[in-house]
Amino acid sequence: MKDTTPIFFIGSGRCGTYSIAQFFQKFSHIDSHHEYCFEQILRPAVLYKMGLVERDYVKKTVIDIHLSAVYYSDSPYWIDSSNALVWIIDILKEVFPAAKYVYLTRDGRKVVSSFFHKFTDLMYSDSAVNALIKWISSKDQVPLPPPDKKYWRPLAMERGLLSDAFLNYNRFQRLCYYWAEANKELLKGKENPINSNEMMIKFEDIYSKPKQLSKITDLVGIEMKEEYIDFFKRPINVHVPINYPLSEMQEKQFHDIADDMMNQLGYNTQKEYNVEY
């Protein structure tokens, strides 16, 4: 791979992955991407998460897409900041044992609310979920849904079958499941490091704690500056600049599904913050 170092910023989405990619695009020595070849990698990644494809199939996809991209990059650093990769961290580590990995987290109440209100067609719409359920249940009698990202969010599986509990979830509850599962994969990645260049960072800390942001700039040999913090204070990938607090019912549904993960990540002991647009 010549002298190019791959760096993967991995999270659930709505957790700073876009901001990270945009920040590093400012530097000429970095080849920075947000969700590189997203739909090509998302479908096999989700199928892998659900146990519906073989590991070698997904590994070949990673080699064809990400390994090739890194190989042909002319930059010292090649970055992909993406939520599609959260389901295949173990495969990434096998293909890229010397890469750097940053696992991004964000308060689940903010992530779920943002997805619920701002990505109604792309995140667990009833029609997309039903299409995937139909395919899983059809035993190959209907075509695999196309790689369009609206279809490819993981459904809960138990011993190779769709979870009865998940099938009764509404769209908001599916998003709660998604956030908890995505962060479960991040914790699994953190707990099984392959080198010293792996870290987990809360997105909230990037713009409030300079030392945390400096950990990221150090990865690519950039000297930390105060102005970089300001870049992360204001969201930049926002279609609707409005805060949507959870309703009382949503709070209950969220904690019923995701409370354990909130505790593991330390968010239940922190005051929920409001984003300033």
Protein backbone atom coordinates (compact mmCIF):
# COMPACT_ATOMS: atom_id res chain seq x y z
CA MET A 1 0.00 0.00 0.00
CA LYS A 2 2.96 2.27 -0.62
CA ASP A 3 3.19 4.92 2.08
CA THR A 4 -0.51 5.71 2.47
CA THR A 5 -1.96 5.23 5.96
CA PRO A 6 -5.68 4.42 6.08
CA ILE A 7 -7.74 5.91 8.91
CA PHE A 8 -11.32 4.86 9.60
CA PHE A 9 -13.72 7.03 11.60
CA ILE A 10 -16.66 4.80 12.41
CA GLY A 11 -19.96 5.58 14.10
CA SER A 12 -23.72 5.22 13.96
CA GLY A 13 -24.26 8.27 11.77
CA ARG A 14 -25.46 11.67 13.10
CA CYS A 15 -22.39 11.48 15.35
CA GLY A 16 -19.92 13.73 13.54
CA THR A 17 -18.74 11.50 10.72
CA TYR A 18 -19.61 14.13 8.09
CA SER A 19 -17.93 16.93 10.06
CA ILE A 20 -14.80 14.82 10.45
CA ALA A 21 -14.58 14.18 6.70
CA GLN A 22 -15.17 17.84 5.88
CA PHE A 23 -12.56 18.98 8.40
CA PHE A 24 -9.81 16.81 6.96
CA GLN A 25 -10.63 17.85 3.40
CA LYS A 26 -9.07 21.21 4.27
CA PHE A 27 -5.59 19.67 4.30
CA SER A 28 -3.78 18.92 1.05
CA HIS A 29 -1.87 15.92 2.42
CA ILE A 30 -5.08 14.05 3.32
CA ASP A 31 -7.42 12.15 1.00
CA SER A 32 -10.63 12.44 3.04
CA HIS A 33 -13.99 10.83 2.26
CA HIS A 34 -17.42 10.70 3.83
CA GLU A 35 -19.09 7.32 3.33
CA TYR A 36 -16.79 6.17 0.54
CA CYS A 37 -18.77 4.10 -2.04
CA PHE A 38 -21.48 4.01 0.61
CA GLU A 39 -24.22 1.97 -1.07
CA GLN A 40 -21.73 -0.54 -2.49
CA ILE A 41 -20.44 -1.35 0.98
CA LEU A 42 -23.63 -0.84 3.01
CA ARG A 43 -25.65 -3.74 1.58
CA PRO A 44 -23.03 -6.46 2.17
CA ALA A 45 -22.21 -4.94 5.56
CA VAL A 46 -25.82 -5.14 6.73
CA LEU A 47 -26.25 -8.64 5.31
CA TYR A 48 -23.13 -9.64 7.25
CA LYS A 49 -24.49 -8.11 10.44
CA MET A 50 -27.66 -10.17 10.03
CA GLY A 51 -25.69 -13.35 9.32
CA LEU A 52 -27.02 -13.71 5.78
CA VAL A 53 -23.75 -13.67 3.80
CA GLU A 54 -20.39 -15.32 4.24
CA ARG A 55 -17.46 -13.42 5.68
CA ASP A 56 -15.30 -14.03 2.58
CA TYR A 57 -17.88 -12.32 0.37
CA VAL A 58 -17.75 -9.15 2.46
CA LYS A 59 -13.98 -9.30 2.76
CA LYS A 60 -13.68 -9.41 -1.04
CA THR A 61 -15.94 -6.35 -1.26
CA VAL A 62 -13.74 -4.45 1.19
CA ILE A 63 -10.66 -5.41 -0.81
CA ASP A 64 -12.27 -4.39 -4.10
CA ILE A 65 -13.41 -1.02 -2.75
CA HIS A 66 -11.35 0.20 0.18
CA LEU A 67 -8.07 -1.60 -0.37
CA SER A 68 -8.01 -0.46 -3.99
CA ALA A 69 -8.79 3.13 -2.99
CA VAL A 70 -5.97 3.21 -0.46
CA TYR A 71 -3.53 1.59 -2.88
CA TYR A 72 -4.17 4.15 -5.61
CA SER A 73 -4.20 7.19 -3.33
CA ASP A 74 -1.31 9.61 -3.76
CA SER A 75 -1.73 11.07 -0.28
CA PRO A 76 0.06 10.12 2.95
CA TYR A 77 -3.33 9.59 4.63
CA TRP A 78 -6.57 8.12 3.27
CA ILE A 79 -9.68 8.61 5.42
CA ASP A 80 -13.15 7.16 5.31
CA SER A 81 -15.63 8.49 7.86
CA SER A 82 -18.73 6.33 7.64
CA ASN A 83 -21.59 4.57 9.40
CA ALA A 84 -21.64 1.71 6.87
CA LEU A 85 -18.40 0.35 8.32
CA VAL A 86 -19.77 -0.13 11.83
CA TRP A 87 -21.05 -3.61 10.95
CA ILE A 88 -17.74 -4.89 9.52
CA ILE A 89 -15.06 -3.61 11.91
CA ASP A 90 -13.63 -7.11 12.33
CA ILE A 91 -13.24 -7.50 8.57
CA LEU A 92 -11.66 -4.06 8.19
CA LYS A 93 -9.10 -5.01 10.81
CA GLU A 94 -8.27 -8.18 8.95
CA VAL A 95 -7.75 -6.32 5.67
CA PHE A 96 -6.08 -3.29 7.30
CA PRO A 97 -4.21 -4.48 10.41
CA ALA A 98 -1.95 -1.40 10.44
CA ALA A 99 -4.73 1.17 9.92
CA LYS A 100 -5.87 3.70 12.51
CA TYR A 101 -9.39 3.38 13.94
CA VAL A 102 -11.48 6.02 15.68
CA TYR A 103 -14.84 4.95 17.10
CA LEU A 104 -17.20 7.94 17.34
CA THR A 105 -20.13 8.00 19.76
CA ARG A 106 -22.87 10.55 20.44
CA ASP A 107 -25.74 10.72 22.91
CA GLY A 108 -28.35 8.30 21.58
CA ARG A 109 -31.22 10.66 22.30
CA LYS A 110 -29.76 13.13 19.82
CA VAL A 111 -28.86 10.52 17.21
CA VAL A 112 -32.25 8.80 17.26
CA SER A 113 -34.20 12.06 17.27
CA SER A 114 -32.17 13.40 14.36
CA PHE A 115 -32.69 10.28 12.28
CA PHE A 116 -36.38 10.11 13.20
CA HIS A 117 -37.26 13.67 12.21
CA LYS A 118 -34.76 14.44 9.45
CA PHE A 119 -34.28 11.16 7.55
CA THR A 120 -37.82 9.81 7.31
CA ASP A 121 -37.32 8.07 3.96
CA LEU A 122 -33.79 6.78 4.50
CA MET A 123 -33.93 5.29 7.99
CA TYR A 124 -36.28 2.38 8.64
CA SER A 125 -39.32 3.53 6.67
CA ASP A 126 -42.15 0.99 6.87
CA SER A 127 -42.00 0.28 3.13
CA ALA A 128 -38.24 -0.34 3.10
CA VAL A 129 -38.35 -2.53 6.22
CA ASN A 130 -41.24 -4.54 4.83
CA ALA A 131 -39.34 -5.08 1.56
CA LEU A 132 -36.34 -6.48 3.44
CA ILE A 133 -38.58 -8.63 5.65
CA LYS A 134 -40.30 -10.01 2.55
CA TRP A 135 -36.96 -10.94 0.99
CA ILE A 136 -35.63 -12.58 4.17
CA SER A 137 -38.86 -14.53 4.58
CA SER A 138 -39.24 -15.52 0.92
CA LYS A 139 -36.49 -18.13 0.73
CA ASP A 140 -35.15 -16.64 -2.53
CA GLN A 141 -38.53 -16.33 -4.24
CA VAL A 142 -38.28 -12.54 -4.60
CA PRO A 143 -35.27 -10.45 -5.73
CA LEU A 144 -32.79 -9.02 -3.24
CA PRO A 145 -33.66 -5.35 -2.63
CA PRO A 146 -31.42 -2.98 -4.63
CA PRO A 147 -28.40 -1.36 -2.96
CA ASP A 148 -30.35 1.88 -2.43
CA LYS A 149 -29.46 2.79 1.15
CA LYS A 150 -33.07 3.18 2.29
CA TYR A 151 -33.43 -0.63 2.30
CA TRP A 152 -30.25 -1.46 4.15
CA ARG A 153 -30.51 -1.03 7.89
CA PRO A 154 -30.14 -4.16 10.01
CA LEU A 155 -33.16 -6.00 11.33
CA ALA A 156 -32.87 -7.91 14.59
CA MET A 157 -32.24 -11.62 14.06
CA GLU A 158 -32.39 -14.46 16.58
CA ARG A 159 -30.90 -17.81 15.59
CA GLY A 160 -31.26 -16.99 11.91
CA LEU A 161 -34.87 -15.79 12.18
CA LEU A 162 -36.36 -12.32 12.43
CA SER A 163 -36.94 -11.26 16.02
CA ASP A 164 -40.62 -11.22 17.00
CA ALA A 165 -40.01 -8.22 19.24
CA PHE A 166 -38.38 -6.26 16.43
CA LEU A 167 -41.23 -7.06 14.05
CA ASN A 168 -43.57 -5.26 16.46
CA TYR A 169 -41.40 -2.14 16.73
CA ASN A 170 -42.54 1.15 15.27
CA ARG A 171 -40.07 3.25 13.29
CA PHE A 172 -38.82 5.15 16.35
CA GLN A 173 -38.13 1.91 18.22
CA ARG A 174 -36.24 0.53 15.23
CA LEU A 175 -33.96 3.57 15.40
CA CYS A 176 -33.37 2.99 19.12
CA TYR A 177 -32.36 -0.59 18.29
CA TYR A 178 -30.09 0.70 15.51
CA TRP A 179 -28.23 3.12 17.78
CA ALA A 180 -27.73 0.52 20.51
CA GLU A 181 -26.53 -2.13 18.05
CA ALA A 182 -24.16 0.23 16.23
CA ASN A 183 -22.50 1.21 19.48
CA LYS A 184 -22.33 -2.41 20.57
CA GLU A 185 -20.16 -2.99 17.50
CA LEU A 186 -18.00 0.00 18.38
CA LEU A 187 -17.42 -1.29 21.89
CA LYS A 188 -16.59 -4.71 20.49
CA GLY A 189 -14.02 -3.09 18.20
CA LYS A 190 -12.52 -1.11 21.07
CA GLU A 191 -12.29 -4.19 23.27
CA ASN A 192 -10.45 -6.17 20.59
CA PRO A 193 -7.68 -3.82 19.41
CA ILE A 194 -5.12 -4.99 16.90
CA ASN A 195 -2.71 -2.09 17.38
CA SER A 196 -2.16 1.00 19.52
CA ASN A 197 -3.80 3.30 16.97
CA GLU A 198 -7.38 2.71 18.10
CA MET A 199 -9.49 5.07 20.20
CA MET A 200 -13.08 5.82 21.15
CA ILE A 201 -14.14 9.47 21.30
CA LYS A 202 -17.42 11.14 22.15
CA PHE A 203 -18.39 13.65 19.48
CA GLU A 204 -19.51 16.02 22.26
CA ASP A 205 -15.91 16.08 23.55
CA ILE A 206 -14.37 17.04 20.21
CA TYR A 207 -15.66 20.61 20.43
CA SER A 208 -15.59 20.96 24.22
CA LYS A 209 -12.25 19.40 25.14
CA PRO A 210 -9.23 20.49 23.09
CA LYS A 211 -7.22 17.47 24.24
CA GLN A 212 -9.75 15.16 22.61
CA LEU A 213 -9.60 17.00 19.30
CA SER A 214 -5.81 17.01 19.46
CA LYS A 215 -5.89 13.20 19.61
CA ILE A 216 -7.51 13.29 16.18
CA THR A 217 -5.22 15.90 14.66
CA ASP A 218 -2.20 14.00 15.96
CA LEU A 219 -3.24 11.02 13.82
CA VAL A 220 -2.36 12.93 10.66
CA GLY A 221 0.47 15.12 11.93
CA ILE A 222 -1.56 18.33 12.22
CA GLU A 223 -0.71 20.84 14.94
CA MET A 224 -3.75 21.54 17.09
CA LYS A 225 -5.22 25.06 16.84
CA GLU A 226 -8.08 26.69 18.78
CA GLU A 227 -9.86 27.57 15.54
CA TYR A 228 -10.38 23.89 14.81
CA ILE A 229 -12.70 23.59 17.82
CA ASP A 230 -14.98 26.27 16.38
CA PHE A 231 -15.37 24.20 13.21
CA PHE A 232 -17.04 21.40 15.18
CA LYS A 233 -19.27 23.58 17.35
CA ARG A 234 -21.84 24.23 14.63
CA PRO A 235 -23.39 21.26 12.78
CA ILE A 236 -22.73 21.36 9.04
CA ASN A 237 -24.71 18.37 7.71
CA VAL A 238 -28.12 19.56 8.81
CA HIS A 239 -31.10 19.65 6.46
CA VAL A 240 -33.51 20.96 9.11
CA PRO A 241 -31.74 23.13 11.75
CA ILE A 242 -34.15 22.37 14.59
CA ASN A 243 -33.77 20.54 17.89
CA TYR A 244 -36.41 17.86 18.43
CA PRO A 245 -36.58 16.75 22.08
CA LEU A 246 -38.04 13.32 22.70
CA SER A 247 -41.63 13.10 23.84
CA GLU A 248 -42.45 11.37 27.12
CA MET A 249 -43.46 8.23 25.24
CA GLN A 250 -40.31 8.32 23.11
CA GLU A 251 -38.16 8.73 26.21
CA LYS A 252 -39.69 5.57 27.63
CA GLN A 253 -39.30 3.60 24.38
CA PHE A 254 -35.72 4.79 23.99
CA HIS A 255 -34.66 3.77 27.48
CA ASP A 256 -36.51 0.45 27.28
CA ILE A 257 -34.33 -0.46 24.28
CA ALA A 258 -31.11 1.52 24.67
CA ASP A 259 -30.68 2.21 28.38
CA ASP A 260 -27.94 -0.39 28.84
CA MET A 261 -25.87 1.15 26.05
CA MET A 262 -26.46 4.65 27.42
CA ASN A 263 -25.04 3.44 30.74
CA GLN A 264 -22.06 1.73 29.13
CA LEU A 265 -21.14 4.90 27.23
CA GLY A 266 -21.75 7.16 30.22
CA TYR A 267 -24.51 9.23 28.68
CA ASN A 268 -27.11 8.58 31.37
CA THR A 269 -24.93 10.44 33.86
CA GLN A 270 -24.55 13.46 31.56
CA LYS A 271 -27.05 16.26 31.05
CA GLU A 272 -28.55 16.17 27.57
CA TYR A 273 -27.24 19.10 25.55
CA ASN A 274 -28.99 21.22 22.93
CA VAL A 275 -27.27 21.93 19.64
CA GLU A 276 -26.88 25.61 18.76
CA TYR A 277 -27.68 26.23 15.09
